Amino acid sequence: MKIVVLDGYAENPGDLTWSALENLGNLMVYDRTEETKIVERINDAEIVIVNKTKIDKTVLDACPEIRYIGVLATGYNNIDIEYAKKRGILVANVPTYGTFAVGQFAIALLLEICHRIGHHDKVVHEGKWTNNLDWCFWDYPLIELSGKTMGIIGFGHIGKTTGRIGKALGMNIIAYTPNPQAEDKKEVEFVDKLDDFFAQADVVVLHCPLFPETKEIINKTNIEKMKDGVIIINNSRGGLINEKDLAGALKSGKIYAAGLDVVATEPIDKENPLLTAPNCIITPHISWAAKESRKRLLNIAVENVAAFIAGKAINIVNK
């Protein structure tokens, strides 16, 4: 059985091994695949593994041997899953592999905003402390989180993890989600109305999927409902934020700071207004990328393929 990985570099730049997948079939791994090369590389493959490479109707029609598509991620909007279903092709994702890494990274973004450790380390090495008149200095306000309210939009596995860390820092945790689970109400206060949620939160953390109802949920109208000086954290999906509106709110000071690991178009466009917005920390979509997290992802992806070959497919998103 031929297995082709079309864009394996982000998942495994060399510090992991594909050997477990190799044991399941005739494996070919490509670091990256240009759009013009996709069909050529998978036209005789039965199993295709992708991360962000787009597999649409045109590709599927040109590759009649495909029986299974495995996604090296939780999201699968790069796959035409409905057409794949019509063709009898199963599509599987990898759920929950990055829970701890992504929750930890959300808090890292928040703590960087509160303390600007990177900046202060840089200016110390440049000599500012050596030449300072006083025994200490700081270039940004330092923020204590204890007693402040963290509002989390989306309270799945990652939202819960971030909330628990926030609580350990002494924060009050509230959450907004369409269908709160009864058992979760023991952990956190759910706010029914989004307007009330925005009015209460000192820090807004986005941990929800990108659906039509959540697209640009951070926009000018909703920003106006927030506290002055609110902090925004997003390491979920870039499309949850209207980037022009966020940049404007950062410039006006309505929003004190934003910590972002995702943007609407990736890699980030050089004209993105957030690149010139004040107090905006942007990292290159790396919340998921801890080695432990990537190893877990690969292990689950291999389990998915093995289950498919055994006729007991798991984690299928287009049943």
Protein backbone atom coordinates (compact mmCIF):
# COMPACT_ATOMS: atom_id res chain seq x y z
CA MET A 1 0.00 0.00 0.00
CA LYS A 2 1.50 3.31 -1.08
CA ILE A 3 1.56 6.09 1.54
CA VAL A 4 2.58 9.63 0.57
CA VAL A 5 3.26 12.50 2.97
CA LEU A 6 2.99 15.72 0.98
CA ASP A 7 4.21 18.33 3.48
CA GLY A 8 5.99 16.67 6.37
CA TYR A 9 8.62 19.27 7.27
CA ALA A 10 6.63 21.34 9.76
CA GLU A 11 5.67 18.19 11.66
CA ASN A 12 9.11 16.60 11.43
CA PRO A 13 12.03 18.87 10.50
CA GLY A 14 14.40 16.04 11.41
CA ASP A 15 14.01 15.51 15.15
CA LEU A 16 11.37 12.77 14.83
CA THR A 17 11.16 9.57 12.77
CA TRP A 18 8.72 8.35 10.15
CA SER A 19 9.66 4.73 10.82
CA ALA A 20 6.33 3.70 12.37
CA LEU A 21 4.51 4.94 9.26
CA GLU A 22 7.11 3.26 7.08
CA ASN A 23 6.20 -0.07 8.68
CA LEU A 24 2.62 0.27 7.40
CA GLY A 25 3.34 0.54 3.68
CA ASN A 26 5.51 1.85 0.89
CA LEU A 27 6.21 5.34 2.26
CA MET A 28 7.29 8.45 0.38
CA VAL A 29 7.81 11.65 2.39
CA TYR A 30 8.10 15.12 0.88
CA ASP A 31 9.03 18.14 3.01
CA ARG A 32 6.81 20.41 0.92
CA THR A 33 4.73 20.08 -2.23
CA GLU A 34 3.90 22.86 -4.67
CA GLU A 35 0.35 22.91 -6.00
CA THR A 36 1.52 21.90 -9.47
CA LYS A 37 3.20 18.77 -8.08
CA ILE A 38 0.37 17.41 -5.91
CA VAL A 39 -1.32 15.15 -8.45
CA GLU A 40 1.99 13.86 -9.81
CA ARG A 41 3.06 12.76 -6.34
CA ILE A 42 -0.17 11.07 -5.21
CA ASN A 43 -1.90 9.88 -8.39
CA ASP A 44 -1.19 6.24 -7.53
CA ALA A 45 -1.28 6.52 -3.72
CA GLU A 46 -3.96 4.87 -1.62
CA ILE A 47 -3.11 6.78 1.56
CA VAL A 48 -2.26 10.49 1.55
CA ILE A 49 -0.98 12.36 4.59
CA VAL A 50 -1.07 16.18 4.63
CA ASN A 51 -0.73 19.05 7.02
CA LYS A 52 -1.77 22.20 5.15
CA THR A 53 -1.57 21.10 1.51
CA LYS A 54 -4.92 21.64 -0.21
CA ILE A 55 -6.75 18.54 -1.44
CA ASP A 56 -9.79 19.64 -3.44
CA LYS A 57 -12.19 18.11 -5.96
CA THR A 58 -9.77 18.58 -8.85
CA VAL A 59 -7.03 16.70 -7.02
CA LEU A 60 -9.36 13.92 -5.92
CA ASP A 61 -10.74 13.44 -9.44
CA ALA A 62 -7.21 13.14 -10.77
CA CYS A 63 -6.17 10.56 -8.16
CA PRO A 64 -8.58 7.59 -8.36
CA GLU A 65 -6.54 5.30 -6.07
CA ILE A 66 -6.93 7.43 -2.92
CA ARG A 67 -8.89 5.67 -0.19
CA TYR A 68 -7.77 7.61 2.87
CA ILE A 69 -6.51 11.10 3.72
CA GLY A 70 -4.84 11.67 7.08
CA VAL A 71 -4.41 15.22 8.35
CA LEU A 72 -1.38 16.04 10.52
CA ALA A 73 -3.48 18.53 12.46
CA THR A 74 -6.81 18.96 14.18
CA GLY A 75 -8.19 21.35 11.58
CA TYR A 76 -9.05 20.01 8.14
CA ASN A 77 -10.43 22.98 6.18
CA ASN A 78 -7.78 22.36 3.49
CA ILE A 79 -9.61 19.15 2.52
CA ASP A 80 -12.88 18.99 0.56
CA ILE A 81 -14.32 16.49 3.03
CA GLU A 82 -17.80 16.39 1.51
CA TYR A 83 -16.53 15.50 -1.94
CA ALA A 84 -14.16 12.99 -0.41
CA LYS A 85 -17.16 11.39 1.29
CA LYS A 86 -19.00 11.15 -2.04
CA ARG A 87 -15.96 9.39 -3.44
CA GLY A 88 -15.86 6.99 -0.47
CA ILE A 89 -12.59 8.46 0.79
CA LEU A 90 -12.19 8.61 4.56
CA VAL A 91 -10.59 11.71 6.10
CA ALA A 92 -9.08 11.50 9.59
CA ASN A 93 -7.66 14.22 11.79
CA VAL A 94 -5.63 14.25 15.02
CA PRO A 95 -7.69 15.65 17.88
CA THR A 96 -6.35 16.95 21.21
CA TYR A 97 -2.65 16.28 20.57
CA GLY A 98 -1.61 19.85 21.43
CA THR A 99 -3.78 20.55 24.46
CA PHE A 100 -0.96 21.16 26.93
CA ALA A 101 1.41 22.89 24.52
CA VAL A 102 -1.22 25.31 23.20
CA GLY A 103 -2.59 26.12 26.65
CA GLN A 104 0.93 26.74 27.91
CA PHE A 105 1.70 28.97 24.93
CA ALA A 106 -1.41 31.08 25.51
CA ILE A 107 -0.18 31.78 29.03
CA ALA A 108 3.34 32.46 27.70
CA LEU A 109 1.95 35.16 25.41
CA LEU A 110 0.05 36.66 28.34
CA LEU A 111 3.07 36.63 30.65
CA GLU A 112 5.24 38.21 27.96
CA ILE A 113 2.75 41.07 27.74
CA CYS A 114 2.74 41.42 31.53
CA HIS A 115 6.53 41.42 31.97
CA ARG A 116 8.19 41.98 28.55
CA ILE A 117 10.96 39.60 29.47
CA GLY A 118 12.26 39.39 25.91
CA HIS A 119 12.52 43.17 25.63
CA HIS A 120 14.16 43.66 29.01
CA ASP A 121 16.68 40.88 28.36
CA LYS A 122 17.56 42.54 25.04
CA VAL A 123 18.15 46.02 26.49
CA VAL A 124 20.21 44.63 29.37
CA HIS A 125 22.50 42.94 26.85
CA GLU A 126 22.66 46.23 24.93
CA GLY A 127 24.02 47.97 28.04
CA LYS A 128 21.01 49.88 29.34
CA TRP A 129 21.21 48.42 32.84
CA THR A 130 24.98 48.93 33.01
CA ASN A 131 24.48 52.63 32.25
CA ASN A 132 21.35 53.09 34.35
CA LEU A 133 21.33 55.60 37.24
CA ASP A 134 19.14 53.35 39.43
CA TRP A 135 19.50 49.73 40.51
CA CYS A 136 16.52 48.69 38.40
CA PHE A 137 14.35 49.96 35.55
CA TRP A 138 11.43 48.90 33.39
CA ASP A 139 10.33 50.16 30.00
CA TYR A 140 6.75 48.86 30.13
CA PRO A 141 4.15 48.71 32.90
CA LEU A 142 4.50 45.44 34.82
CA ILE A 143 1.17 43.70 35.39
CA GLU A 144 0.11 41.36 38.20
CA LEU A 145 -2.59 38.94 37.08
CA SER A 146 -3.88 37.81 40.45
CA GLY A 147 -7.43 39.06 40.99
CA LYS A 148 -8.00 39.90 37.35
CA THR A 149 -10.59 38.13 35.19
CA MET A 150 -9.63 35.88 32.31
CA GLY A 151 -12.46 35.32 29.83
CA ILE A 152 -12.10 32.30 27.57
CA ILE A 153 -14.13 31.97 24.38
CA GLY A 154 -14.39 28.24 23.70
CA PHE A 155 -14.02 25.82 26.59
CA GLY A 156 -12.83 22.58 25.08
CA HIS A 157 -9.70 20.72 26.15
CA ILE A 158 -7.38 23.65 25.42
CA GLY A 159 -9.67 26.25 26.99
CA LYS A 160 -9.87 24.17 30.16
CA THR A 161 -6.08 23.82 30.30
CA THR A 162 -5.54 27.56 29.90
CA GLY A 163 -8.22 28.25 32.49
CA ARG A 164 -6.58 25.97 35.06
CA ILE A 165 -3.23 27.70 34.61
CA GLY A 166 -4.91 31.10 34.86
CA LYS A 167 -6.62 30.02 38.07
CA ALA A 168 -3.26 28.89 39.46
CA LEU A 169 -2.03 32.45 38.84
CA GLY A 170 -4.86 33.75 41.00
CA MET A 171 -7.16 34.84 38.18
CA ASN A 172 -10.93 34.63 38.13
CA ILE A 173 -11.99 32.50 35.15
CA ILE A 174 -15.14 32.99 33.08
CA ALA A 175 -16.05 31.31 29.82
CA TYR A 176 -18.37 31.76 26.88
CA THR A 177 -19.34 28.73 24.81
CA PRO A 178 -22.57 27.76 23.03
CA ASN A 179 -23.03 24.43 24.82
CA PRO A 180 -21.39 24.36 28.24
CA GLN A 181 -21.07 20.91 29.76
CA ALA A 182 -22.63 20.33 33.17
CA GLU A 183 -19.39 18.97 34.66
CA ASP A 184 -17.46 22.05 33.50
CA LYS A 185 -19.69 24.33 35.53
CA LYS A 186 -17.90 23.05 38.62
CA GLU A 187 -14.65 24.50 37.29
CA VAL A 188 -15.65 27.81 35.77
CA GLU A 189 -18.37 30.43 35.61
CA PHE A 190 -20.11 30.43 32.24
CA VAL A 191 -21.49 33.74 30.96
CA ASP A 192 -24.56 33.33 28.76
CA LYS A 193 -24.39 36.64 26.90
CA LEU A 194 -21.36 37.69 24.92
CA ASP A 195 -21.92 41.35 25.82
CA ASP A 196 -21.70 40.51 29.53
CA PHE A 197 -18.64 38.36 28.92
CA PHE A 198 -16.78 41.22 27.19
CA ALA A 199 -17.78 43.66 29.92
CA GLN A 200 -16.24 41.48 32.64
CA ALA A 201 -12.98 40.24 31.10
CA ASP A 202 -9.61 41.89 31.74
CA VAL A 203 -8.02 39.32 29.44
CA VAL A 204 -9.88 37.73 26.49
CA VAL A 205 -8.44 34.40 25.33
CA LEU A 206 -9.64 32.80 22.09
CA HIS A 207 -9.76 29.00 22.09
CA CYS A 208 -12.70 28.40 19.75
CA PRO A 209 -12.82 26.93 16.23
CA LEU A 210 -13.25 29.19 13.20
CA PHE A 211 -16.89 28.81 12.19
CA PRO A 212 -19.15 31.33 10.42
CA GLU A 213 -20.55 32.35 13.80
CA THR A 214 -17.07 32.94 15.28
CA LYS A 215 -15.44 34.57 12.25
CA GLU A 216 -14.08 37.98 13.30
CA ILE A 217 -15.72 37.70 16.71
CA ILE A 218 -13.14 40.28 17.76
CA ASN A 219 -14.34 43.29 15.78
CA LYS A 220 -14.95 46.98 16.30
CA THR A 221 -18.47 46.49 17.69
CA ASN A 222 -17.42 43.90 20.24
CA ILE A 223 -14.22 45.74 21.15
CA GLU A 224 -16.34 48.73 22.17
CA LYS A 225 -18.09 46.47 24.71
CA MET A 226 -14.81 45.52 26.37
CA LYS A 227 -13.06 47.13 29.31
CA ASP A 228 -10.57 49.86 28.53
CA GLY A 229 -7.08 48.37 28.58
CA VAL A 230 -8.17 44.80 27.90
CA ILE A 231 -5.60 42.24 26.70
CA ILE A 232 -6.37 39.90 23.77
CA ILE A 233 -4.72 36.48 23.37
CA ASN A 234 -5.25 34.39 20.24
CA ASN A 235 -3.42 31.18 19.41
CA SER A 236 -6.44 29.48 17.90
CA ARG A 237 -7.31 30.77 14.40
CA GLY A 238 -6.37 34.10 12.83
CA GLY A 239 -9.80 34.53 11.24
CA LEU A 240 -11.37 35.01 14.66
CA ILE A 241 -10.08 38.59 14.60
CA ASN A 242 -10.79 41.53 12.31
CA GLU A 243 -7.16 42.59 12.09
CA LYS A 244 -7.83 46.15 10.96
CA ASP A 245 -10.20 46.70 13.90
CA LEU A 246 -7.72 45.20 16.35
CA ALA A 247 -4.89 47.37 15.02
CA GLY A 248 -7.06 50.45 15.41
CA ALA A 249 -7.97 49.55 18.99
CA LEU A 250 -4.30 48.98 19.86
CA LYS A 251 -3.39 52.38 18.41
CA SER A 252 -6.16 54.12 20.35
CA GLY A 253 -5.28 52.30 23.58
CA LYS A 254 -8.74 50.77 23.97
CA ILE A 255 -6.94 47.43 23.87
CA TYR A 256 -3.72 47.57 25.88
CA ALA A 257 -1.97 44.70 24.15
CA ALA A 258 -2.46 41.61 22.02
CA GLY A 259 -0.54 38.34 21.99
CA LEU A 260 -1.05 36.46 18.73
CA ASP A 261 0.34 33.20 17.41
CA VAL A 262 -1.98 33.17 14.38
CA VAL A 263 -3.11 35.63 11.72
CA ALA A 264 -5.74 35.44 8.99
CA THR A 265 -3.22 34.84 6.16
CA GLU A 266 -0.15 32.75 6.91
CA PRO A 267 2.72 33.37 6.47
CA ILE A 268 1.85 36.89 7.55
CA ASP A 269 1.49 39.43 4.76
CA LYS A 270 3.96 42.32 4.93
CA GLU A 271 1.00 44.74 4.72
CA ASN A 272 -0.80 43.24 7.72
CA PRO A 273 -1.80 46.22 9.91
CA LEU A 274 -0.87 44.33 13.07
CA LEU A 275 2.83 44.45 12.14
CA THR A 276 2.87 48.19 12.86
CA ALA A 277 0.36 48.22 15.72
CA PRO A 278 1.74 49.08 19.17
CA ASN A 279 1.88 46.48 21.94
CA CYS A 280 1.23 43.62 19.54
CA ILE A 281 3.31 40.50 20.06
CA ILE A 282 3.17 38.10 17.10
CA THR A 283 4.74 34.65 16.92
CA PRO A 284 4.76 32.44 13.76
CA HIS A 285 2.05 29.83 14.55
CA ILE A 286 4.22 27.74 16.85
CA SER A 287 1.93 27.00 19.83
CA TRP A 288 1.56 23.41 18.64
CA ALA A 289 5.22 22.81 17.82
CA ALA A 290 6.82 21.57 21.05
CA LYS A 291 8.61 18.30 20.28
CA GLU A 292 6.46 16.44 22.80
CA SER A 293 3.32 17.71 21.09
CA ARG A 294 4.55 16.88 17.58
CA LYS A 295 5.57 13.40 18.69
CA ARG A 296 2.10 12.85 20.11
CA LEU A 297 0.58 14.09 16.85
CA LEU A 298 2.66 11.71 14.76
CA ASN A 299 1.87 8.77 17.02
CA ILE A 300 -1.86 9.41 16.70
CA ALA A 301 -1.58 9.89 12.93
CA VAL A 302 0.13 6.49 12.69
CA GLU A 303 -2.57 4.92 14.88
CA ASN A 304 -5.17 6.40 12.53
CA VAL A 305 -3.54 4.83 9.48
CA ALA A 306 -3.08 1.47 11.20
CA ALA A 307 -6.73 1.45 12.24
CA PHE A 308 -7.82 2.25 8.68
CA ILE A 309 -5.72 -0.57 7.25
CA ALA A 310 -7.23 -2.91 9.83
CA GLY A 311 -10.72 -1.91 8.76
CA LYS A 312 -11.47 -0.14 12.04
CA ALA A 313 -10.98 3.51 11.08
CA ILE A 314 -10.88 6.08 13.89
CA ASN A 315 -10.99 9.89 14.14
CA ILE A 316 -12.92 10.13 10.87
CA VAL A 317 -14.32 13.61 10.21
CA ASN A 318 -16.50 12.84 7.17
CA LYS A 319 -18.56 9.83 8.22
